[in-house]
Amino acid sequence: MFGKKHRAQDNKPYSFIDTQSFESIYNLYWEKIYAICFNHIREVEPAQEMVQEIFKSLWERKDELEITGPMEHYLSRAAKFKVFEYIRNKSTRKKHMDCALSDYCDSSNCTEDDIFYNNLKEEVGSLVDRLPCQCRKVYQMSRVEHLTNKEIASALLISERAVEQHLSKALRFLRSHLSGFRS
């Protein structure tokens, strides 16, 4: 039905009558169409989907579609339109997402969360001050100064097991006194 390069002869429009012709066009051009899509967006799955959409549209419109130039040009142009559409939609989605995220703080009681956090922080601070001296030192070195148990043991001249016991005691005390802050 088509010449070797699938060009319309004498500027007569293409007419897809059978699946064999369509398959030969697909086999000839899918890689080039994929390359066009991928080179513009650098994403494998969306590029593959674009190729499938282009050929699906070509098949679905085979009876009413009239292509007077080279098939390769038609498909390349279709690929560029798909890429443009993808980029435009991606940009629009990003703008909507950015807008939603910027409004998130307003809609999610950030002030209330900040007050809750500051109250919790203050309460933890006052509870830590109520810990026994050695226990308080171990807790602060671990949680505030971010030292390892080994470093704390070395600095306070106690065993690592003693450090673990002091931390366990401090955390148990904090948990029991902060039960009202749990949500």
N, C-alpha and C. Protein backbone atom coordinates (compact mmCIF):
# COMPACT_ATOMS: atom_id res chain seq x y z
N MET A 1 0.81 -1.18 0.00
CA MET A 1 0.00 0.00 0.00
C MET A 1 0.85 1.25 0.00
N PHE A 2 1.92 1.30 0.87
CA PHE A 2 2.79 2.47 0.96
C PHE A 2 4.12 2.15 0.31
N GLY A 3 4.80 3.20 -0.14
CA GLY A 3 6.15 3.02 -0.65
C GLY A 3 7.08 2.72 0.51
N LYS A 4 8.34 2.48 0.21
CA LYS A 4 9.27 2.08 1.24
C LYS A 4 9.37 3.11 2.37
N LYS A 5 9.29 4.40 2.08
CA LYS A 5 9.40 5.42 3.10
C LYS A 5 8.04 5.93 3.55
N HIS A 6 6.98 5.30 3.11
CA HIS A 6 5.62 5.64 3.51
C HIS A 6 5.27 7.08 3.20
N ARG A 7 5.63 7.57 2.06
CA ARG A 7 5.26 8.91 1.65
C ARG A 7 4.03 8.85 0.76
N ALA A 8 3.24 9.89 0.87
CA ALA A 8 2.06 9.96 0.02
C ALA A 8 2.52 10.21 -1.41
N GLN A 9 2.05 9.41 -2.29
CA GLN A 9 2.43 9.55 -3.70
C GLN A 9 1.53 10.60 -4.34
N ASP A 10 2.11 11.49 -5.10
CA ASP A 10 1.38 12.53 -5.82
C ASP A 10 0.53 13.37 -4.86
N ASN A 11 1.04 13.59 -3.64
CA ASN A 11 0.32 14.38 -2.63
C ASN A 11 -1.07 13.85 -2.32
N LYS A 12 -1.29 12.57 -2.53
CA LYS A 12 -2.56 11.95 -2.14
C LYS A 12 -2.48 11.65 -0.65
N PRO A 13 -3.55 11.84 0.09
CA PRO A 13 -3.50 11.59 1.54
C PRO A 13 -3.34 10.12 1.86
N TYR A 14 -2.70 9.89 3.04
CA TYR A 14 -2.59 8.53 3.54
C TYR A 14 -3.98 8.01 3.87
N SER A 15 -4.13 6.73 3.72
CA SER A 15 -5.37 6.11 4.13
C SER A 15 -5.02 4.79 4.79
N PHE A 16 -5.27 4.67 6.09
CA PHE A 16 -4.96 3.44 6.80
C PHE A 16 -6.13 2.48 6.64
N ILE A 17 -5.88 1.41 5.94
CA ILE A 17 -6.95 0.46 5.70
C ILE A 17 -6.76 -0.80 6.54
N ASP A 18 -5.53 -1.19 6.71
CA ASP A 18 -5.31 -2.45 7.43
C ASP A 18 -4.28 -2.28 8.55
N THR A 19 -4.25 -3.26 9.40
CA THR A 19 -3.34 -3.22 10.54
C THR A 19 -1.89 -3.42 10.12
N GLN A 20 -1.66 -4.11 9.03
CA GLN A 20 -0.29 -4.36 8.57
C GLN A 20 0.40 -3.04 8.22
N SER A 21 -0.30 -2.15 7.54
CA SER A 21 0.27 -0.84 7.18
C SER A 21 0.58 -0.04 8.44
N PHE A 22 -0.35 -0.07 9.38
CA PHE A 22 -0.15 0.66 10.63
C PHE A 22 1.05 0.08 11.38
N GLU A 23 1.14 -1.23 11.46
CA GLU A 23 2.26 -1.87 12.15
C GLU A 23 3.59 -1.51 11.52
N SER A 24 3.63 -1.46 10.21
CA SER A 24 4.90 -1.12 9.56
C SER A 24 5.28 0.34 9.87
N ILE A 25 4.30 1.23 9.91
CA ILE A 25 4.60 2.63 10.28
C ILE A 25 5.09 2.69 11.72
N TYR A 26 4.42 1.97 12.61
CA TYR A 26 4.82 1.95 14.02
C TYR A 26 6.26 1.43 14.14
N ASN A 27 6.54 0.31 13.49
CA ASN A 27 7.88 -0.28 13.58
C ASN A 27 8.96 0.63 13.01
N LEU A 28 8.64 1.38 11.97
CA LEU A 28 9.60 2.28 11.36
C LEU A 28 9.89 3.52 12.21
N TYR A 29 8.88 4.05 12.89
CA TYR A 29 9.03 5.38 13.48
C TYR A 29 8.96 5.46 15.00
N TRP A 30 8.58 4.41 15.70
CA TRP A 30 8.38 4.55 17.14
C TRP A 30 9.65 4.98 17.86
N GLU A 31 10.82 4.46 17.45
CA GLU A 31 12.06 4.83 18.14
C GLU A 31 12.40 6.30 17.95
N LYS A 32 12.20 6.80 16.75
CA LYS A 32 12.49 8.21 16.49
C LYS A 32 11.53 9.10 17.29
N ILE A 33 10.26 8.73 17.35
CA ILE A 33 9.27 9.50 18.10
C ILE A 33 9.61 9.46 19.59
N TYR A 34 9.99 8.29 20.07
CA TYR A 34 10.41 8.17 21.47
C TYR A 34 11.62 9.07 21.75
N ALA A 35 12.60 9.06 20.84
CA ALA A 35 13.80 9.88 21.02
C ALA A 35 13.45 11.36 21.10
N ILE A 36 12.54 11.81 20.27
CA ILE A 36 12.12 13.22 20.30
C ILE A 36 11.52 13.54 21.66
N CYS A 37 10.62 12.70 22.11
CA CYS A 37 9.96 12.93 23.40
C CYS A 37 10.96 12.89 24.55
N PHE A 38 11.78 11.85 24.58
CA PHE A 38 12.73 11.68 25.68
C PHE A 38 13.76 12.80 25.72
N ASN A 39 14.26 13.20 24.56
CA ASN A 39 15.29 14.24 24.52
C ASN A 39 14.78 15.58 25.04
N HIS A 40 13.49 15.81 24.97
CA HIS A 40 12.95 17.07 25.47
C HIS A 40 12.62 17.02 26.96
N ILE A 41 12.16 15.87 27.46
CA ILE A 41 11.72 15.83 28.86
C ILE A 41 12.63 15.02 29.77
N ARG A 42 13.46 14.16 29.22
CA ARG A 42 14.40 13.34 29.98
C ARG A 42 13.73 12.47 31.05
N GLU A 43 12.55 11.96 30.72
CA GLU A 43 11.83 11.06 31.62
C GLU A 43 11.33 9.87 30.79
N VAL A 44 11.70 8.67 31.19
CA VAL A 44 11.41 7.47 30.40
C VAL A 44 9.92 7.19 30.29
N GLU A 45 9.25 7.03 31.43
CA GLU A 45 7.84 6.62 31.39
C GLU A 45 6.94 7.62 30.66
N PRO A 46 7.04 8.91 30.97
CA PRO A 46 6.19 9.85 30.22
C PRO A 46 6.49 9.84 28.73
N ALA A 47 7.75 9.68 28.35
CA ALA A 47 8.10 9.63 26.93
C ALA A 47 7.47 8.40 26.27
N GLN A 48 7.51 7.26 26.96
CA GLN A 48 6.88 6.05 26.42
C GLN A 48 5.37 6.23 26.28
N GLU A 49 4.77 6.86 27.28
CA GLU A 49 3.33 7.09 27.22
C GLU A 49 2.97 8.01 26.06
N MET A 50 3.80 9.01 25.81
CA MET A 50 3.54 9.93 24.70
C MET A 50 3.56 9.18 23.37
N VAL A 51 4.53 8.31 23.19
CA VAL A 51 4.62 7.53 21.96
C VAL A 51 3.35 6.70 21.79
N GLN A 52 2.94 6.04 22.87
CA GLN A 52 1.72 5.23 22.79
C GLN A 52 0.50 6.07 22.46
N GLU A 53 0.40 7.25 23.07
CA GLU A 53 -0.74 8.13 22.80
C GLU A 53 -0.76 8.60 21.35
N ILE A 54 0.41 8.91 20.81
CA ILE A 54 0.50 9.38 19.43
C ILE A 54 0.02 8.29 18.47
N PHE A 55 0.54 7.08 18.65
CA PHE A 55 0.15 6.00 17.75
C PHE A 55 -1.29 5.53 18.00
N LYS A 56 -1.74 5.62 19.23
CA LYS A 56 -3.13 5.27 19.51
C LYS A 56 -4.07 6.25 18.80
N SER A 57 -3.74 7.53 18.88
CA SER A 57 -4.54 8.55 18.21
C SER A 57 -4.52 8.34 16.70
N LEU A 58 -3.36 8.00 16.19
CA LEU A 58 -3.23 7.75 14.75
C LEU A 58 -4.15 6.60 14.34
N TRP A 59 -4.15 5.54 15.12
CA TRP A 59 -4.99 4.38 14.80
C TRP A 59 -6.47 4.71 14.92
N GLU A 60 -6.84 5.39 16.00
CA GLU A 60 -8.25 5.70 16.23
C GLU A 60 -8.82 6.65 15.16
N ARG A 61 -7.97 7.50 14.60
CA ARG A 61 -8.45 8.46 13.61
C ARG A 61 -8.07 8.06 12.18
N LYS A 62 -7.73 6.81 12.00
CA LYS A 62 -7.22 6.34 10.71
C LYS A 62 -8.19 6.58 9.55
N ASP A 63 -9.47 6.55 9.82
CA ASP A 63 -10.45 6.68 8.74
C ASP A 63 -10.68 8.13 8.32
N GLU A 64 -10.57 9.06 9.25
CA GLU A 64 -10.82 10.46 8.88
C GLU A 64 -9.57 11.30 8.75
N LEU A 65 -8.42 10.79 9.15
CA LEU A 65 -7.17 11.54 9.12
C LEU A 65 -6.62 11.60 7.70
N GLU A 66 -6.18 12.79 7.30
CA GLU A 66 -5.56 12.95 5.98
C GLU A 66 -4.17 13.55 6.18
N ILE A 67 -3.16 12.79 5.85
CA ILE A 67 -1.78 13.24 5.98
C ILE A 67 -1.22 13.35 4.58
N THR A 68 -0.89 14.57 4.17
CA THR A 68 -0.45 14.76 2.78
C THR A 68 1.07 14.79 2.65
N GLY A 69 1.79 15.06 3.73
CA GLY A 69 3.26 15.10 3.67
C GLY A 69 3.85 13.80 4.14
N PRO A 70 5.15 13.79 4.35
CA PRO A 70 5.81 12.58 4.85
C PRO A 70 5.31 12.20 6.25
N MET A 71 5.09 10.93 6.43
CA MET A 71 4.60 10.41 7.71
C MET A 71 5.56 10.78 8.84
N GLU A 72 6.84 10.73 8.57
CA GLU A 72 7.84 11.06 9.58
C GLU A 72 7.64 12.48 10.09
N HIS A 73 7.36 13.42 9.21
CA HIS A 73 7.15 14.82 9.61
C HIS A 73 5.89 14.94 10.47
N TYR A 74 4.84 14.26 10.05
CA TYR A 74 3.59 14.30 10.80
C TYR A 74 3.81 13.77 12.22
N LEU A 75 4.48 12.62 12.35
CA LEU A 75 4.70 12.01 13.65
C LEU A 75 5.65 12.85 14.51
N SER A 76 6.67 13.43 13.88
CA SER A 76 7.59 14.30 14.62
C SER A 76 6.87 15.52 15.18
N ARG A 77 6.03 16.10 14.37
CA ARG A 77 5.25 17.26 14.81
C ARG A 77 4.30 16.86 15.95
N ALA A 78 3.67 15.70 15.81
CA ALA A 78 2.78 15.22 16.87
C ALA A 78 3.56 15.01 18.18
N ALA A 79 4.78 14.49 18.06
CA ALA A 79 5.61 14.27 19.25
C ALA A 79 5.95 15.61 19.92
N LYS A 80 6.28 16.60 19.13
CA LYS A 80 6.62 17.92 19.69
C LYS A 80 5.41 18.55 20.36
N PHE A 81 4.24 18.36 19.79
CA PHE A 81 3.02 18.87 20.44
C PHE A 81 2.78 18.16 21.76
N LYS A 82 3.00 16.85 21.78
CA LYS A 82 2.80 16.09 23.02
C LYS A 82 3.79 16.56 24.10
N VAL A 83 5.02 16.79 23.70
CA VAL A 83 6.04 17.28 24.64
C VAL A 83 5.62 18.64 25.19
N PHE A 84 5.20 19.52 24.31
CA PHE A 84 4.76 20.85 24.74
C PHE A 84 3.60 20.74 25.72
N GLU A 85 2.65 19.90 25.39
CA GLU A 85 1.48 19.69 26.25
C GLU A 85 1.91 19.16 27.62
N TYR A 86 2.84 18.21 27.62
CA TYR A 86 3.33 17.61 28.87
C TYR A 86 4.01 18.68 29.73
N ILE A 87 4.89 19.47 29.11
CA ILE A 87 5.62 20.50 29.84
C ILE A 87 4.65 21.55 30.39
N ARG A 88 3.69 21.95 29.58
CA ARG A 88 2.70 22.93 30.01
C ARG A 88 1.91 22.39 31.20
N ASN A 89 1.45 21.14 31.09
CA ASN A 89 0.67 20.55 32.18
C ASN A 89 1.51 20.37 33.44
N LYS A 90 2.76 19.98 33.26
CA LYS A 90 3.66 19.80 34.41
C LYS A 90 3.90 21.13 35.09
N SER A 91 4.08 22.17 34.31
CA SER A 91 4.29 23.50 34.86
C SER A 91 3.05 23.97 35.61
N THR A 92 1.89 23.72 35.04
CA THR A 92 0.64 24.10 35.70
C THR A 92 0.46 23.33 37.00
N ARG A 93 0.76 22.03 36.98
CA ARG A 93 0.65 21.22 38.20
C ARG A 93 1.60 21.75 39.27
N LYS A 94 2.82 22.11 38.86
CA LYS A 94 3.81 22.63 39.82
C LYS A 94 3.32 23.95 40.43
N LYS A 95 2.75 24.82 39.60
CA LYS A 95 2.24 26.09 40.12
C LYS A 95 1.12 25.85 41.12
N HIS A 96 0.21 24.91 40.79
CA HIS A 96 -0.87 24.60 41.71
C HIS A 96 -0.34 24.00 43.02
N MET A 97 0.66 23.13 42.90
CA MET A 97 1.24 22.51 44.08
C MET A 97 1.94 23.56 44.95
N ASP A 98 2.71 24.45 44.32
CA ASP A 98 3.39 25.51 45.07
C ASP A 98 2.38 26.40 45.78
N CYS A 99 1.31 26.72 45.08
CA CYS A 99 0.26 27.56 45.66
C CYS A 99 -0.40 26.84 46.84
N ALA A 100 -0.69 25.57 46.67
CA ALA A 100 -1.33 24.80 47.74
C ALA A 100 -0.41 24.70 48.95
N LEU A 101 0.89 24.50 48.70
CA LEU A 101 1.83 24.40 49.81
C LEU A 101 2.01 25.73 50.52
N SER A 102 2.01 26.82 49.76
CA SER A 102 2.16 28.13 50.40
C SER A 102 0.94 28.47 51.23
N ASP A 103 -0.23 28.00 50.81
CA ASP A 103 -1.45 28.24 51.56
C ASP A 103 -1.62 27.25 52.70
N TYR A 104 -0.83 26.17 52.70
CA TYR A 104 -0.98 25.12 53.70
C TYR A 104 -0.84 25.67 55.11
N CYS A 105 0.18 26.50 55.30
CA CYS A 105 0.41 27.04 56.63
C CYS A 105 -0.81 27.82 57.11
N ASP A 106 -1.41 28.60 56.23
CA ASP A 106 -2.58 29.38 56.62
C ASP A 106 -3.75 28.48 57.00
N SER A 107 -3.88 27.38 56.30
CA SER A 107 -5.06 26.55 56.51
C SER A 107 -4.86 25.48 57.57
N SER A 108 -3.65 25.36 58.10
CA SER A 108 -3.44 24.25 59.04
C SER A 108 -3.06 24.72 60.44
N ASN A 109 -3.48 25.88 60.83
CA ASN A 109 -3.28 26.36 62.20
C ASN A 109 -1.82 26.40 62.61
N CYS A 110 -0.97 27.00 61.76
CA CYS A 110 0.46 27.07 62.08
C CYS A 110 0.70 27.82 63.39
N THR A 111 -0.05 28.87 63.65
CA THR A 111 0.12 29.63 64.88
C THR A 111 -0.19 28.74 66.07
N GLU A 112 -1.27 28.00 65.96
CA GLU A 112 -1.64 27.08 67.03
C GLU A 112 -0.57 26.02 67.24
N ASP A 113 -0.02 25.49 66.13
CA ASP A 113 1.05 24.49 66.21
C ASP A 113 2.29 25.08 66.87
N ASP A 114 2.63 26.32 66.50
CA ASP A 114 3.80 26.98 67.10
C ASP A 114 3.61 27.15 68.61
N ILE A 115 2.44 27.56 69.02
CA ILE A 115 2.15 27.74 70.45
C ILE A 115 2.27 26.40 71.17
N PHE A 116 1.68 25.37 70.57
CA PHE A 116 1.75 24.03 71.17
C PHE A 116 3.20 23.58 71.31
N TYR A 117 4.00 23.78 70.25
CA TYR A 117 5.40 23.38 70.27
C TYR A 117 6.16 24.13 71.36
N ASN A 118 5.95 25.44 71.44
CA ASN A 118 6.66 26.23 72.45
C ASN A 118 6.26 25.83 73.86
N ASN A 119 4.97 25.54 74.07
CA ASN A 119 4.53 25.07 75.38
C ASN A 119 5.17 23.73 75.73
N LEU A 120 5.21 22.83 74.76
CA LEU A 120 5.82 21.52 74.98
C LEU A 120 7.30 21.67 75.30
N LYS A 121 7.99 22.49 74.54
CA LYS A 121 9.42 22.72 74.75
C LYS A 121 9.67 23.28 76.15
N GLU A 122 8.85 24.21 76.56
CA GLU A 122 8.97 24.82 77.90
C GLU A 122 8.73 23.77 78.98
N GLU A 123 7.71 22.95 78.79
CA GLU A 123 7.39 21.91 79.76
C GLU A 123 8.52 20.88 79.87
N VAL A 124 9.08 20.48 78.74
CA VAL A 124 10.21 19.53 78.75
C VAL A 124 11.37 20.15 79.50
N GLY A 125 11.65 21.42 79.21
CA GLY A 125 12.74 22.11 79.90
C GLY A 125 12.56 22.10 81.41
N SER A 126 11.35 22.41 81.88
CA SER A 126 11.12 22.43 83.33
C SER A 126 11.20 21.02 83.92
N LEU A 127 10.74 20.03 83.17
CA LEU A 127 10.84 18.64 83.66
C LEU A 127 12.29 18.17 83.72
N VAL A 128 13.09 18.53 82.73
CA VAL A 128 14.50 18.15 82.72
C VAL A 128 15.19 18.77 83.94
N ASP A 129 14.81 20.00 84.30
CA ASP A 129 15.40 20.65 85.48
C ASP A 129 15.07 19.91 86.77
N ARG A 130 13.99 19.13 86.78
CA ARG A 130 13.58 18.38 87.97
C ARG A 130 14.29 17.03 88.08
N LEU A 131 15.02 16.64 87.03
CA LEU A 131 15.74 15.36 87.07
C LEU A 131 16.90 15.45 88.06
N PRO A 132 17.31 14.30 88.64
CA PRO A 132 18.50 14.30 89.49
C PRO A 132 19.71 14.80 88.69
N CYS A 133 20.66 15.36 89.37
CA CYS A 133 21.80 16.05 88.74
C CYS A 133 22.51 15.21 87.67
N GLN A 134 22.93 14.01 88.02
CA GLN A 134 23.67 13.16 87.06
C GLN A 134 22.77 12.76 85.89
N CYS A 135 21.54 12.45 86.19
CA CYS A 135 20.57 12.06 85.17
C CYS A 135 20.34 13.22 84.19
N ARG A 136 20.21 14.43 84.74
CA ARG A 136 20.02 15.63 83.92
C ARG A 136 21.23 15.86 83.01
N LYS A 137 22.45 15.71 83.57
CA LYS A 137 23.67 15.91 82.78
C LYS A 137 23.71 14.93 81.60
N VAL A 138 23.42 13.67 81.88
CA VAL A 138 23.44 12.63 80.85
C VAL A 138 22.41 12.95 79.77
N TYR A 139 21.20 13.31 80.20
CA TYR A 139 20.13 13.62 79.23
C TYR A 139 20.54 14.79 78.33
N GLN A 140 21.04 15.87 78.93
CA GLN A 140 21.41 17.05 78.15
C GLN A 140 22.58 16.77 77.20
N MET A 141 23.54 15.99 77.65
CA MET A 141 24.67 15.65 76.78
C MET A 141 24.19 14.80 75.60
N SER A 142 23.22 13.93 75.86
CA SER A 142 22.71 13.07 74.80
C SER A 142 21.79 13.82 73.84
N ARG A 143 20.81 14.52 74.39
CA ARG A 143 19.76 15.12 73.56
C ARG A 143 20.06 16.53 73.08
N VAL A 144 20.82 17.29 73.84
CA VAL A 144 21.12 18.68 73.44
C VAL A 144 22.46 18.76 72.72
N GLU A 145 23.47 18.11 73.30
CA GLU A 145 24.81 18.17 72.70
C GLU A 145 25.04 17.06 71.68
N HIS A 146 24.12 16.10 71.60
CA HIS A 146 24.16 15.00 70.63
C HIS A 146 25.42 14.15 70.74
N LEU A 147 25.85 13.89 71.97
CA LEU A 147 27.01 13.02 72.19
C LEU A 147 26.55 11.57 72.23
N THR A 148 27.47 10.68 71.89
CA THR A 148 27.16 9.25 71.96
C THR A 148 27.27 8.79 73.42
N ASN A 149 26.71 7.62 73.69
CA ASN A 149 26.79 7.08 75.05
C ASN A 149 28.24 6.90 75.48
N LYS A 150 29.07 6.49 74.55
CA LYS A 150 30.49 6.28 74.86
C LYS A 150 31.15 7.61 75.22
N GLU A 151 30.86 8.66 74.46
CA GLU A 151 31.45 9.98 74.74
C GLU A 151 30.97 10.52 76.09
N ILE A 152 29.69 10.30 76.41
CA ILE A 152 29.14 10.75 77.69
C ILE A 152 29.82 10.00 78.84
N ALA A 153 29.94 8.69 78.68
CA ALA A 153 30.57 7.86 79.71
C ALA A 153 32.00 8.32 79.97
N SER A 154 32.71 8.62 78.91
CA SER A 154 34.10 9.07 79.03
C SER A 154 34.17 10.43 79.72
N ALA A 155 33.29 11.34 79.35
CA ALA A 155 33.31 12.69 79.92
C ALA A 155 32.92 12.69 81.39
N LEU A 156 31.98 11.86 81.78
CA LEU A 156 31.50 11.85 83.17
C LEU A 156 32.17 10.77 84.02
N LEU A 157 33.07 10.02 83.41
CA LEU A 157 33.79 8.95 84.09
C LEU A 157 32.84 7.92 84.72
N ILE A 158 31.85 7.51 83.91
CA ILE A 158 30.92 6.46 84.31
C ILE A 158 30.87 5.43 83.19
N SER A 159 30.23 4.30 83.46
CA SER A 159 30.16 3.26 82.44
C SER A 159 29.07 3.59 81.41
N GLU A 160 29.18 2.98 80.26
CA GLU A 160 28.15 3.17 79.23
C GLU A 160 26.82 2.62 79.71
N ARG A 161 26.86 1.57 80.50
CA ARG A 161 25.62 1.00 81.06
C ARG A 161 24.95 2.02 81.97
N ALA A 162 25.73 2.76 82.73
CA ALA A 162 25.18 3.78 83.63
C ALA A 162 24.54 4.90 82.80
N VAL A 163 25.18 5.25 81.67
CA VAL A 163 24.63 6.27 80.77
C VAL A 163 23.26 5.79 80.26
N GLU A 164 23.19 4.54 79.84
CA GLU A 164 21.93 3.99 79.33
C GLU A 164 20.85 4.01 80.42
N GLN A 165 21.23 3.69 81.64
CA GLN A 165 20.25 3.68 82.74
C GLN A 165 19.74 5.09 83.03
N HIS A 166 20.65 6.07 83.04
CA HIS A 166 20.24 7.46 83.28
C HIS A 166 19.30 7.95 82.17
N LEU A 167 19.62 7.60 80.91
CA LEU A 167 18.77 8.01 79.80
C LEU A 167 17.40 7.37 79.89
N SER A 168 17.37 6.09 80.23
CA SER A 168 16.09 5.39 80.38
C SER A 168 15.26 6.02 81.48
N LYS A 169 15.91 6.33 82.59
CA LYS A 169 15.21 6.95 83.71
C LYS A 169 14.64 8.32 83.30
N ALA A 170 15.44 9.12 82.60
CA ALA A 170 15.01 10.45 82.17
C ALA A 170 13.84 10.35 81.19
N LEU A 171 13.94 9.46 80.24
CA LEU A 171 12.87 9.32 79.24
C LEU A 171 11.58 8.80 79.86
N ARG A 172 11.69 7.86 80.82
CA ARG A 172 10.51 7.37 81.53
C ARG A 172 9.83 8.50 82.28
N PHE A 173 10.64 9.31 82.96
CA PHE A 173 10.12 10.44 83.73
C PHE A 173 9.42 11.44 82.80
N LEU A 174 10.04 11.76 81.68
CA LEU A 174 9.45 12.71 80.73
C LEU A 174 8.15 12.17 80.14
N ARG A 175 8.17 10.90 79.75
CA ARG A 175 6.97 10.30 79.17
C ARG A 175 5.80 10.33 80.15
N SER A 176 6.09 9.98 81.37
CA SER A 176 5.00 9.92 82.36
C SER A 176 4.44 11.31 82.66
N HIS A 177 5.26 12.34 82.62
CA HIS A 177 4.80 13.69 82.94
C HIS A 177 4.30 14.45 81.71
N LEU A 178 4.52 13.93 80.52
CA LEU A 178 4.08 14.60 79.31
C LEU A 178 2.89 13.90 78.66
N SER A 179 2.26 13.00 79.39
CA SER A 179 1.15 12.24 78.79
C SER A 179 0.02 13.15 78.32
N GLY A 180 -0.15 14.31 78.92
CA GLY A 180 -1.21 15.24 78.50
C GLY A 180 -0.93 15.90 77.16
N PHE A 181 0.33 15.84 76.70
CA PHE A 181 0.68 16.48 75.42
C PHE A 181 0.51 15.55 74.23
N ARG A 182 0.23 14.28 74.47
CA ARG A 182 0.05 13.35 73.35
C ARG A 182 -1.24 13.64 72.63
N SER A 183 -1.21 13.44 71.29
CA SER A 183 -2.44 13.68 70.53
C SER A 183 -3.08 12.40 70.08
